[in-house]
PDB file of N, CA and C in Angstrom:
ATOM      1  N   MET A   1     -13.857  47.924  -9.321  1.00  0.00           N
ATOM      2  CA  MET A   1     -15.066  47.043  -9.209  1.00  0.00           C
ATOM      3  C   MET A   1     -15.276  46.654  -7.773  1.00  0.00           C
ATOM      4  N   GLU A   2     -16.435  46.857  -7.303  1.00  0.00           N
ATOM      5  CA  GLU A   2     -16.748  46.449  -5.921  1.00  0.00           C
ATOM      6  C   GLU A   2     -16.768  44.921  -5.698  1.00  0.00           C
ATOM      7  N   ALA A   3     -16.282  44.603  -4.565  1.00  0.00           N
ATOM      8  CA  ALA A   3     -16.151  43.090  -4.146  1.00  0.00           C
ATOM      9  C   ALA A   3     -17.672  42.589  -3.990  1.00  0.00           C
ATOM     10  N   PRO A   4     -17.962  41.320  -4.436  1.00  0.00           N
ATOM     11  CA  PRO A   4     -19.267  40.884  -4.197  1.00  0.00           C
ATOM     12  C   PRO A   4     -19.581  40.710  -2.712  1.00  0.00           C
ATOM     13  N   MET A   5     -20.887  40.868  -2.386  1.00  0.00           N
ATOM     14  CA  MET A   5     -21.252  40.590  -1.055  1.00  0.00           C
ATOM     15  C   MET A   5     -21.563  39.209  -0.715  1.00  0.00           C
ATOM     16  N   ALA A   6     -21.245  38.650   0.448  1.00  0.00           N
ATOM     17  CA  ALA A   6     -21.378  37.327   0.721  1.00  0.00           C
ATOM     18  C   ALA A   6     -22.995  37.030   0.788  1.00  0.00           C
ATOM     19  N   LEU A   7     -23.461  35.898   0.291  1.00  0.00           N
ATOM     20  CA  LEU A   7     -24.861  35.649   0.283  1.00  0.00           C
ATOM     21  C   LEU A   7     -25.166  34.985   1.673  1.00  0.00           C
ATOM     22  N   PHE A   8     -24.299  34.278   2.275  1.00  0.00           N
ATOM     23  CA  PHE A   8     -24.414  33.747   3.488  1.00  0.00           C
ATOM     24  C   PHE A   8     -23.262  33.869   4.501  1.00  0.00           C
ATOM     25  N   ARG A   9     -23.452  33.815   5.690  1.00  0.00           N
ATOM     26  CA  ARG A   9     -22.424  34.012   6.756  1.00  0.00           C
ATOM     27  C   ARG A   9     -22.406  32.723   7.569  1.00  0.00           C
ATOM     28  N   ARG A  10     -21.150  32.339   7.769  1.00  0.00           N
ATOM     29  CA  ARG A  10     -20.914  31.151   8.583  1.00  0.00           C
ATOM     30  C   ARG A  10     -21.184  31.392  10.059  1.00  0.00           C
ATOM     31  N   VAL A  11     -21.956  30.650  10.754  1.00  0.00           N
ATOM     32  CA  VAL A  11     -22.526  30.811  12.067  1.00  0.00           C
ATOM     33  C   VAL A  11     -21.726  29.718  13.071  1.00  0.00           C
ATOM     34  N   ALA A  12     -21.220  28.854  12.560  1.00  0.00           N
ATOM     35  CA  ALA A  12     -20.421  27.907  13.370  1.00  0.00           C
ATOM     36  C   ALA A  12     -18.931  27.984  12.989  1.00  0.00           C
ATOM     37  N   ALA A  13     -17.930  27.875  14.010  1.00  0.00           N
ATOM     38  CA  ALA A  13     -16.609  27.981  13.721  1.00  0.00           C
ATOM     39  C   ALA A  13     -16.153  26.688  13.089  1.00  0.00           C
ATOM     40  N   ARG A  14     -15.165  26.615  12.150  1.00  0.00           N
ATOM     41  CA  ARG A  14     -14.595  25.420  11.591  1.00  0.00           C
ATOM     42  C   ARG A  14     -13.303  25.188  12.093  1.00  0.00           C
ATOM     43  N   ALA A  15     -12.920  24.026  12.104  1.00  0.00           N
ATOM     44  CA  ALA A  15     -11.515  23.697  12.617  1.00  0.00           C
ATOM     45  C   ALA A  15     -10.688  23.124  11.554  1.00  0.00           C
ATOM     46  N   GLY A  16     -11.067  23.063  10.348  1.00  0.00           N
ATOM     47  CA  GLY A  16     -10.441  22.562   9.065  1.00  0.00           C
ATOM     48  C   GLY A  16      -9.230  23.512   8.681  1.00  0.00           C
ATOM     49  N   ARG A  17      -8.431  22.951   7.901  1.00  0.00           N
ATOM     50  CA  ARG A  17      -7.335  23.876   7.425  1.00  0.00           C
ATOM     51  C   ARG A  17      -7.932  24.778   6.391  1.00  0.00           C
ATOM     52  N   PRO A  18      -7.240  25.986   6.094  1.00  0.00           N
ATOM     53  CA  PRO A  18      -7.718  26.836   5.058  1.00  0.00           C
ATOM     54  C   PRO A  18      -7.308  26.343   3.688  1.00  0.00           C
ATOM     55  N   VAL A  19      -8.244  26.471   2.773  1.00  0.00           N
ATOM     56  CA  VAL A  19      -7.830  26.033   1.358  1.00  0.00           C
ATOM     57  C   VAL A  19      -8.209  27.271   0.483  1.00  0.00           C
ATOM     58  N   THR A  20      -7.667  27.273  -0.769  1.00  0.00           N
ATOM     59  CA  THR A  20      -7.977  28.395  -1.693  1.00  0.00           C
ATOM     60  C   THR A  20      -8.494  27.644  -3.051  1.00  0.00           C
ATOM     61  N   LEU A  21      -9.412  28.099  -3.574  1.00  0.00           N
ATOM     62  CA  LEU A  21      -9.947  27.606  -4.944  1.00  0.00           C
ATOM     63  C   LEU A  21     -10.161  28.723  -5.918  1.00  0.00           C
ATOM     64  N   SER A  22     -10.463  28.575  -7.041  1.00  0.00           N
ATOM     65  CA  SER A  22     -10.610  29.736  -8.007  1.00  0.00           C
ATOM     66  C   SER A  22     -11.945  29.401  -8.662  1.00  0.00           C
ATOM     67  N   PHE A  23     -12.775  30.442  -8.769  1.00  0.00           N
ATOM     68  CA  PHE A  23     -14.120  30.327  -9.470  1.00  0.00           C
ATOM     69  C   PHE A  23     -14.221  31.552 -10.271  1.00  0.00           C
ATOM     70  N   GLU A  24     -14.304  31.335 -11.702  1.00  0.00           N
ATOM     71  CA  GLU A  24     -14.502  32.332 -12.603  1.00  0.00           C
ATOM     72  C   GLU A  24     -13.343  33.332 -12.440  1.00  0.00           C
ATOM     73  N   GLY A  25     -11.994  32.791 -12.126  1.00  0.00           N
ATOM     74  CA  GLY A  25     -10.809  33.538 -12.054  1.00  0.00           C
ATOM     75  C   GLY A  25     -10.601  34.312 -10.794  1.00  0.00           C
ATOM     76  N   ARG A  26     -11.494  34.124  -9.920  1.00  0.00           N
ATOM     77  CA  ARG A  26     -11.372  34.915  -8.674  1.00  0.00           C
ATOM     78  C   ARG A  26     -11.191  33.896  -7.501  1.00  0.00           C
ATOM     79  N   ALA A  27     -10.185  34.208  -6.664  1.00  0.00           N
ATOM     80  CA  ALA A  27      -9.716  33.426  -5.423  1.00  0.00           C
ATOM     81  C   ALA A  27     -10.785  33.301  -4.529  1.00  0.00           C
ATOM     82  N   ILE A  28     -11.165  32.115  -3.962  1.00  0.00           N
ATOM     83  CA  ILE A  28     -12.163  31.849  -3.102  1.00  0.00           C
ATOM     84  C   ILE A  28     -11.460  31.134  -1.821  1.00  0.00           C
ATOM     85  N   ARG A  29     -11.708  31.810  -0.595  1.00  0.00           N
ATOM     86  CA  ARG A  29     -11.106  31.105   0.534  1.00  0.00           C
ATOM     87  C   ARG A  29     -12.208  30.252   1.047  1.00  0.00           C
ATOM     88  N   ALA A  30     -11.704  29.017   1.600  1.00  0.00           N
ATOM     89  CA  ALA A  30     -12.608  28.193   2.203  1.00  0.00           C
ATOM     90  C   ALA A  30     -11.860  27.380   3.409  1.00  0.00           C
ATOM     91  N   THR A  31     -12.671  26.555   3.924  1.00  0.00           N
ATOM     92  CA  THR A  31     -12.059  25.625   4.923  1.00  0.00           C
ATOM     93  C   THR A  31     -12.314  24.202   4.623  1.00  0.00           C
ATOM     94  N   SER A  32     -11.238  23.452   4.712  1.00  0.00           N
ATOM     95  CA  SER A  32     -11.265  21.973   4.350  1.00  0.00           C
ATOM     96  C   SER A  32     -12.597  21.311   5.124  1.00  0.00           C
ATOM     97  N   GLY A  33     -13.325  20.633   4.209  1.00  0.00           N
ATOM     98  CA  GLY A  33     -14.603  20.090   4.834  1.00  0.00           C
ATOM     99  C   GLY A  33     -15.723  20.759   4.296  1.00  0.00           C
ATOM    100  N   ASP A  34     -15.581  22.107   3.787  1.00  0.00           N
ATOM    101  CA  ASP A  34     -16.765  22.760   3.295  1.00  0.00           C
ATOM    102  C   ASP A  34     -17.144  22.221   1.995  1.00  0.00           C
ATOM    103  N   SER A  35     -18.399  22.300   1.588  1.00  0.00           N
ATOM    104  CA  SER A  35     -18.901  21.955   0.172  1.00  0.00           C
ATOM    105  C   SER A  35     -18.515  23.136  -0.780  1.00  0.00           C
ATOM    106  N   VAL A  36     -18.282  22.857  -1.891  1.00  0.00           N
ATOM    107  CA  VAL A  36     -18.033  23.874  -2.951  1.00  0.00           C
ATOM    108  C   VAL A  36     -18.991  24.994  -2.971  1.00  0.00           C
ATOM    109  N   LEU A  37     -20.333  24.566  -2.822  1.00  0.00           N
ATOM    110  CA  LEU A  37     -21.446  25.493  -2.723  1.00  0.00           C
ATOM    111  C   LEU A  37     -21.250  26.394  -1.566  1.00  0.00           C
ATOM    112  N   ALA A  38     -21.127  25.871  -0.398  1.00  0.00           N
ATOM    113  CA  ALA A  38     -20.999  26.667   0.821  1.00  0.00           C
ATOM    114  C   ALA A  38     -19.922  27.736   0.661  1.00  0.00           C
ATOM    115  N   ALA A  39     -18.738  27.293   0.112  1.00  0.00           N
ATOM    116  CA  ALA A  39     -17.614  28.158  -0.111  1.00  0.00           C
ATOM    117  C   ALA A  39     -18.094  29.418  -1.133  1.00  0.00           C
ATOM    118  N   LEU A  40     -18.605  28.989  -2.209  1.00  0.00           N
ATOM    119  CA  LEU A  40     -19.112  30.003  -3.299  1.00  0.00           C
ATOM    120  C   LEU A  40     -20.019  31.008  -2.591  1.00  0.00           C
ATOM    121  N   LEU A  41     -21.012  30.315  -1.932  1.00  0.00           N
ATOM    122  CA  LEU A  41     -22.020  31.324  -1.291  1.00  0.00           C
ATOM    123  C   LEU A  41     -21.573  32.359  -0.285  1.00  0.00           C
ATOM    124  N   GLU A  42     -20.624  31.663   0.582  1.00  0.00           N
ATOM    125  CA  GLU A  42     -19.973  32.449   1.593  1.00  0.00           C
ATOM    126  C   GLU A  42     -19.075  33.586   1.094  1.00  0.00           C
ATOM    127  N   ASN A  43     -18.653  33.524  -0.189  1.00  0.00           N
ATOM    128  CA  ASN A  43     -17.773  34.487  -0.830  1.00  0.00           C
ATOM    129  C   ASN A  43     -18.424  35.317  -1.813  1.00  0.00           C
ATOM    130  N   GLY A  44     -19.709  35.224  -1.899  1.00  0.00           N
ATOM    131  CA  GLY A  44     -20.559  36.079  -2.795  1.00  0.00           C
ATOM    132  C   GLY A  44     -20.465  35.803  -4.301  1.00  0.00           C
ATOM    133  N   ALA A  45     -20.054  34.478  -4.572  1.00  0.00           N
ATOM    134  CA  ALA A  45     -19.944  34.088  -5.973  1.00  0.00           C
ATOM    135  C   ALA A  45     -21.288  33.677  -6.442  1.00  0.00           C
ATOM    136  N   LEU A  46     -21.624  34.104  -7.712  1.00  0.00           N
ATOM    137  CA  LEU A  46     -22.955  33.901  -8.490  1.00  0.00           C
ATOM    138  C   LEU A  46     -22.665  32.610  -9.333  1.00  0.00           C
ATOM    139  N   ILE A  47     -23.412  31.561  -9.056  1.00  0.00           N
ATOM    140  CA  ILE A  47     -23.382  30.438  -9.998  1.00  0.00           C
ATOM    141  C   ILE A  47     -24.086  30.625 -11.244  1.00  0.00           C
ATOM    142  N   ARG A  48     -25.304  31.048 -11.269  1.00  0.00           N
ATOM    143  CA  ARG A  48     -25.973  31.219 -12.476  1.00  0.00           C
ATOM    144  C   ARG A  48     -27.082  32.191 -12.249  1.00  0.00           C
ATOM    145  N   ARG A  49     -27.929  32.554 -13.295  1.00  0.00           N
ATOM    146  CA  ARG A  49     -29.032  33.470 -13.250  1.00  0.00           C
ATOM    147  C   ARG A  49     -30.336  32.617 -13.696  1.00  0.00           C
ATOM    148  N   LEU A  50     -31.466  32.982 -13.201  1.00  0.00           N
ATOM    149  CA  LEU A  50     -32.763  32.397 -13.644  1.00  0.00           C
ATOM    150  C   LEU A  50     -32.871  32.722 -15.171  1.00  0.00           C
ATOM    151  N   GLU A  51     -33.239  31.700 -15.846  1.00  0.00           N
ATOM    152  CA  GLU A  51     -33.437  31.800 -17.345  1.00  0.00           C
ATOM    153  C   GLU A  51     -34.475  32.848 -17.730  1.00  0.00           C
ATOM    154  N   PHE A  52     -35.527  33.087 -17.021  1.00  0.00           N
ATOM    155  CA  PHE A  52     -36.601  33.860 -17.373  1.00  0.00           C
ATOM    156  C   PHE A  52     -36.471  35.267 -16.800  1.00  0.00           C
ATOM    157  N   GLY A  53     -36.082  35.474 -15.594  1.00  0.00           N
ATOM    158  CA  GLY A  53     -36.128  36.791 -15.022  1.00  0.00           C
ATOM    159  C   GLY A  53     -34.696  37.264 -14.718  1.00  0.00           C
ATOM    160  N   ARG A  54     -33.624  36.490 -14.934  1.00  0.00           N
ATOM    161  CA  ARG A  54     -32.279  36.899 -14.860  1.00  0.00           C
ATOM    162  C   ARG A  54     -31.823  37.144 -13.245  1.00  0.00           C
ATOM    163  N   GLU A  55     -32.724  36.643 -12.287  1.00  0.00           N
ATOM    164  CA  GLU A  55     -32.384  36.773 -10.901  1.00  0.00           C
ATOM    165  C   GLU A  55     -31.229  35.886 -10.559  1.00  0.00           C
ATOM    166  N   PRO A  56     -30.310  36.078  -9.549  1.00  0.00           N
ATOM    167  CA  PRO A  56     -29.386  35.276  -9.230  1.00  0.00           C
ATOM    168  C   PRO A  56     -29.935  33.880  -8.698  1.00  0.00           C
ATOM    169  N   ARG A  57     -29.220  32.734  -8.955  1.00  0.00           N
ATOM    170  CA  ARG A  57     -29.612  31.454  -8.554  1.00  0.00           C
ATOM    171  C   ARG A  57     -28.362  30.745  -7.969  1.00  0.00           C
ATOM    172  N   ALA A  58     -28.707  29.873  -7.085  1.00  0.00           N
ATOM    173  CA  ALA A  58     -27.639  28.932  -6.471  1.00  0.00           C
ATOM    174  C   ALA A  58     -28.286  27.721  -6.351  1.00  0.00           C
ATOM    175  N   GLY A  59     -27.699  26.779  -5.488  1.00  0.00           N
ATOM    176  CA  GLY A  59     -28.249  25.497  -5.172  1.00  0.00           C
ATOM    177  C   GLY A  59     -29.678  25.520  -4.602  1.00  0.00           C
ATOM    178  N   PHE A  60     -30.485  24.740  -5.039  1.00  0.00           N
ATOM    179  CA  PHE A  60     -31.811  24.746  -4.527  1.00  0.00           C
ATOM    180  C   PHE A  60     -32.166  23.706  -3.553  1.00  0.00           C
ATOM    181  N   CYS A  61     -31.820  22.496  -3.784  1.00  0.00           N
ATOM    182  CA  CYS A  61     -32.149  21.369  -2.721  1.00  0.00           C
ATOM    183  C   CYS A  61     -31.078  21.136  -1.793  1.00  0.00           C
ATOM    184  N   LEU A  62     -29.816  21.396  -2.139  1.00  0.00           N
ATOM    185  CA  LEU A  62     -28.710  21.350  -1.211  1.00  0.00           C
ATOM    186  C   LEU A  62     -28.367  19.932  -0.891  1.00  0.00           C
ATOM    187  N   MET A  63     -28.807  18.961  -1.722  1.00  0.00           N
ATOM    188  CA  MET A  63     -28.622  17.595  -1.499  1.00  0.00           C
ATOM    189  C   MET A  63     -28.258  16.671  -2.768  1.00  0.00           C
ATOM    190  N   GLY A  64     -28.050  17.310  -3.751  1.00  0.00           N
ATOM    191  CA  GLY A  64     -27.586  16.854  -5.009  1.00  0.00           C
ATOM    192  C   GLY A  64     -28.722  16.250  -5.948  1.00  0.00           C
ATOM    193  N   ALA A  65     -29.855  16.559  -5.671  1.00  0.00           N
ATOM    194  CA  ALA A  65     -30.955  16.131  -6.544  1.00  0.00           C
ATOM    195  C   ALA A  65     -31.460  16.958  -7.557  1.00  0.00           C
ATOM    196  N   CYS A  66     -31.342  18.287  -7.343  1.00  0.00           N
ATOM    197  CA  CYS A  66     -32.079  19.278  -8.231  1.00  0.00           C
ATOM    198  C   CYS A  66     -31.226  19.560  -9.629  1.00  0.00           C
ATOM    199  N   GLN A  67     -29.952  19.416  -9.492  1.00  0.00           N
ATOM    200  CA  GLN A  67     -29.181  19.758 -10.745  1.00  0.00           C
ATOM    201  C   GLN A  67     -28.988  21.157 -10.784  1.00  0.00           C
ATOM    202  N   ASP A  68     -29.248  21.990  -9.759  1.00  0.00           N
ATOM    203  CA  ASP A  68     -29.117  23.419 -10.001  1.00  0.00           C
ATOM    204  C   ASP A  68     -27.761  24.081  -9.592  1.00  0.00           C
ATOM    205  N   CYS A  69     -27.026  23.298  -9.019  1.00  0.00           N
ATOM    206  CA  CYS A  69     -25.569  23.815  -8.458  1.00  0.00           C
ATOM    207  C   CYS A  69     -24.465  23.183  -9.293  1.00  0.00           C
ATOM    208  N   TRP A  70     -24.642  22.755 -10.461  1.00  0.00           N
ATOM    209  CA  TRP A  70     -23.593  22.209 -11.448  1.00  0.00           C
ATOM    210  C   TRP A  70     -22.501  23.404 -11.628  1.00  0.00           C
ATOM    211  N   VAL A  71     -21.349  23.012 -11.421  1.00  0.00           N
ATOM    212  CA  VAL A  71     -20.108  23.953 -11.806  1.00  0.00           C
ATOM    213  C   VAL A  71     -19.189  23.129 -12.601  1.00  0.00           C
ATOM    214  N   TRP A  72     -18.280  23.703 -13.378  1.00  0.00           N
ATOM    215  CA  TRP A  72     -17.275  22.949 -14.234  1.00  0.00           C
ATOM    216  C   TRP A  72     -15.933  23.012 -13.615  1.00  0.00           C
ATOM    217  N   SER A  73     -15.260  21.929 -13.669  1.00  0.00           N
ATOM    218  CA  SER A  73     -13.873  21.730 -13.233  1.00  0.00           C
ATOM    219  C   SER A  73     -12.903  21.969 -14.333  1.00  0.00           C
ATOM    220  N   ALA A  74     -11.717  22.628 -14.215  1.00  0.00           N
ATOM    221  CA  ALA A  74     -10.674  22.638 -15.098  1.00  0.00           C
ATOM    222  C   ALA A  74     -10.123  21.341 -15.510  1.00  0.00           C
ATOM    223  N   GLU A  75     -10.348  20.464 -14.541  1.00  0.00           N
ATOM    224  CA  GLU A  75      -9.835  19.059 -14.714  1.00  0.00           C
ATOM    225  C   GLU A  75     -10.784  18.303 -15.713  1.00  0.00           C
ATOM    226  N   GLY A  76     -11.855  18.855 -16.004  1.00  0.00           N
ATOM    227  CA  GLY A  76     -12.873  18.262 -17.040  1.00  0.00           C
ATOM    228  C   GLY A  76     -14.040  17.821 -16.213  1.00  0.00           C
ATOM    229  N   GLY A  77     -15.279  17.995 -16.912  1.00  0.00           N
ATOM    230  CA  GLY A  77     -16.478  17.586 -16.360  1.00  0.00           C
ATOM    231  C   GLY A  77     -17.040  18.516 -15.337  1.00  0.00           C
ATOM    232  N   ARG A  78     -18.291  18.150 -15.052  1.00  0.00           N
ATOM    233  CA  ARG A  78     -19.046  19.025 -14.106  1.00  0.00           C
ATOM    234  C   ARG A  78     -19.076  18.345 -12.785  1.00  0.00           C
ATOM    235  N   ILE A  79     -19.366  19.086 -11.686  1.00  0.00           N
ATOM    236  CA  ILE A  79     -19.612  18.675 -10.367  1.00  0.00           C
ATOM    237  C   ILE A  79     -20.754  19.222  -9.837  1.00  0.00           C
ATOM    238  N   ARG A  80     -21.340  18.620  -8.858  1.00  0.00           N
ATOM    239  CA  ARG A  80     -22.462  19.129  -8.026  1.00  0.00           C
ATOM    240  C   ARG A  80     -21.671  20.008  -6.931  1.00  0.00           C
ATOM    241  N   ALA A  81     -21.944  21.236  -6.825  1.00  0.00           N
ATOM    242  CA  ALA A  81     -21.220  22.101  -5.843  1.00  0.00           C
ATOM    243  C   ALA A  81     -21.675  21.712  -4.401  1.00  0.00           C
ATOM    244  N   CYS A  82     -23.089  21.337  -4.355  1.00  0.00           N
ATOM    245  CA  CYS A  82     -23.619  21.159  -2.969  1.00  0.00           C
ATOM    246  C   CYS A  82     -22.959  19.814  -2.288  1.00  0.00           C
ATOM    247  N   THR A  83     -22.483  18.889  -3.122  1.00  0.00           N
ATOM    248  CA  THR A  83     -22.185  17.658  -2.671  1.00  0.00           C
ATOM    249  C   THR A  83     -20.682  17.339  -2.842  1.00  0.00           C
ATOM    250  N   THR A  84     -19.937  18.374  -3.260  1.00  0.00           N
ATOM    251  CA  THR A  84     -18.428  18.183  -3.480  1.00  0.00           C
ATOM    252  C   THR A  84     -17.723  18.965  -2.570  1.00  0.00           C
ATOM    253  N   GLU A  85     -16.747  18.326  -1.893  1.00  0.00           N
ATOM    254  CA  GLU A  85     -15.949  18.938  -0.933  1.00  0.00           C
ATOM    255  C   GLU A  85     -14.874  19.872  -1.539  1.00  0.00           C
ATOM    256  N   VAL A  86     -14.507  20.984  -0.998  1.00  0.00           N
ATOM    257  CA  VAL A  86     -13.536  21.845  -1.722  1.00  0.00           C
ATOM    258  C   VAL A  86     -12.188  21.142  -1.627  1.00  0.00           C
ATOM    259  N   GLY A  87     -11.343  21.595  -2.520  1.00  0.00           N
ATOM    260  CA  GLY A  87      -9.961  21.030  -2.572  1.00  0.00           C
ATOM    261  C   GLY A  87      -9.088  22.203  -2.818  1.00  0.00           C
ATOM    262  N   ASP A  88      -7.859  22.239  -2.153  1.00  0.00           N
ATOM    263  CA  ASP A  88      -6.948  23.366  -2.316  1.00  0.00           C
ATOM    264  C   ASP A  88      -6.466  23.326  -3.863  1.00  0.00           C
ATOM    265  N   GLY A  89      -6.529  24.467  -4.407  1.00  0.00           N
ATOM    266  CA  GLY A  89      -6.107  24.579  -5.837  1.00  0.00           C
ATOM    267  C   GLY A  89      -7.238  24.324  -6.876  1.00  0.00           C
ATOM    268  N   MET A  90      -8.494  23.950  -6.510  1.00  0.00           N
ATOM    269  CA  MET A  90      -9.479  23.607  -7.548  1.00  0.00           C
ATOM    270  C   MET A  90      -9.653  24.857  -8.505  1.00  0.00           C
ATOM    271  N   ILE A  91      -9.979  24.647  -9.761  1.00  0.00           N
ATOM    272  CA  ILE A  91     -10.220  25.663 -10.688  1.00  0.00           C
ATOM    273  C   ILE A  91     -11.590  25.472 -11.258  1.00  0.00           C
ATOM    274  N   LEU A  92     -12.489  26.300 -10.939  1.00  0.00           N
ATOM    275  CA  LEU A  92     -13.929  26.034 -11.269  1.00  0.00           C
ATOM    276  C   LEU A  92     -14.416  27.236 -12.105  1.00  0.00           C
ATOM    277  N   SER A  93     -15.566  26.944 -12.846  1.00  0.00           N
ATOM    278  CA  SER A  93     -16.261  27.918 -13.640  1.00  0.00           C
ATOM    279  C   SER A  93     -17.711  27.694 -13.757  1.00  0.00           C
ATOM    280  N   ALA A  94     -18.595  28.603 -13.823  1.00  0.00           N
ATOM    281  CA  ALA A  94     -20.014  28.577 -14.038  1.00  0.00           C
ATOM    282  C   ALA A  94     -20.534  27.805 -15.326  1.00  0.00           C
ATOM    283  N   GLU A  95     -19.632  27.960 -16.362  1.00  0.00           N
ATOM    284  CA  GLU A  95     -19.925  27.380 -17.703  1.00  0.00           C
ATOM    285  C   GLU A  95     -18.866  26.549 -18.033  1.00  0.00           C
ATOM    286  N   PRO A  96     -19.002  25.527 -18.974  1.00  0.00           N
ATOM    287  CA  PRO A  96     -17.952  24.712 -19.479  1.00  0.00           C
ATOM    288  C   PRO A  96     -16.963  25.633 -20.228  1.00  0.00           C
ATOM    289  N   GLN A  97     -15.601  25.395 -20.078  1.00  0.00           N
ATOM    290  CA  GLN A  97     -14.743  26.089 -20.775  1.00  0.00           C
ATOM    291  C   GLN A  97     -14.235  25.291 -22.105  1.00  0.00           C
ATOM    292  N   LEU A  98     -14.294  26.070 -23.207  1.00  0.00           N
ATOM    293  CA  LEU A  98     -13.877  25.399 -24.487  1.00  0.00           C
ATOM    294  C   LEU A  98     -12.331  25.267 -24.569  1.00  0.00           C
ATOM    295  N   PRO A  99     -11.812  24.233 -25.094  1.00  0.00           N
ATOM    296  CA  PRO A  99     -10.297  24.156 -25.278  1.00  0.00           C
ATOM    297  C   PRO A  99      -9.765  25.386 -26.017  1.00  0.00           C
ATOM    298  N   ALA A 100      -8.469  25.767 -25.755  1.00  0.00           N
ATOM    299  CA  ALA A 100      -8.046  26.935 -26.557  1.00  0.00           C
ATOM    300  C   ALA A 100      -7.901  26.555 -27.873  1.00  0.00           C
ATOM    301  N   GLY A 101      -8.239  27.525 -28.718  1.00  0.00           N
ATOM    302  CA  GLY A 101      -8.212  27.334 -30.296  1.00  0.00           C
ATOM    303  C   GLY A 101      -9.456  26.751 -30.886  1.00  0.00           C
ATOM    304  N   SER A 102     -10.537  26.437 -29.973  1.00  0.00           N
ATOM    305  CA  SER A 102     -11.659  25.851 -30.635  1.00  0.00           C
ATOM    306  C   SER A 102     -12.601  27.082 -31.029  1.00  0.00           C
ATOM    307  N   ASP A 103     -13.413  26.911 -31.839  1.00  0.00           N
ATOM    308  CA  ASP A 103     -14.444  27.861 -32.388  1.00  0.00           C
ATOM    309  C   ASP A 103     -15.679  27.956 -31.538  1.00  0.00           C
ATOM    310  N   GLY A 104     -16.021  26.812 -30.774  1.00  0.00           N
ATOM    311  CA  GLY A 104     -17.153  26.739 -29.965  1.00  0.00           C
ATOM    312  C   GLY A 104     -18.284  26.310 -30.885  1.00  0.00           C
TER     313      GLY A 104
END
């Protein structure tokens, strides 16, 4: 399987420490201080698809107002990827994960 292409490229150097998180089972490298959305887009991760045309979607407003960048944390609950800072060891998914053994 071919690695996804980054949707965005960092243009300014960051001085934070490196962190690794997981999105949909894939390791994502980021820099401390990055937003989750910036890390996902820089690593080519797809958050969701448009409901009508199936085109890729990501954050829309980039300030926490539009609700388009929700991702789910393994710790429970959803977070806004555009306003949440990355954390080392975060486990995230595009859809809520059902508990093991549930029928959904």
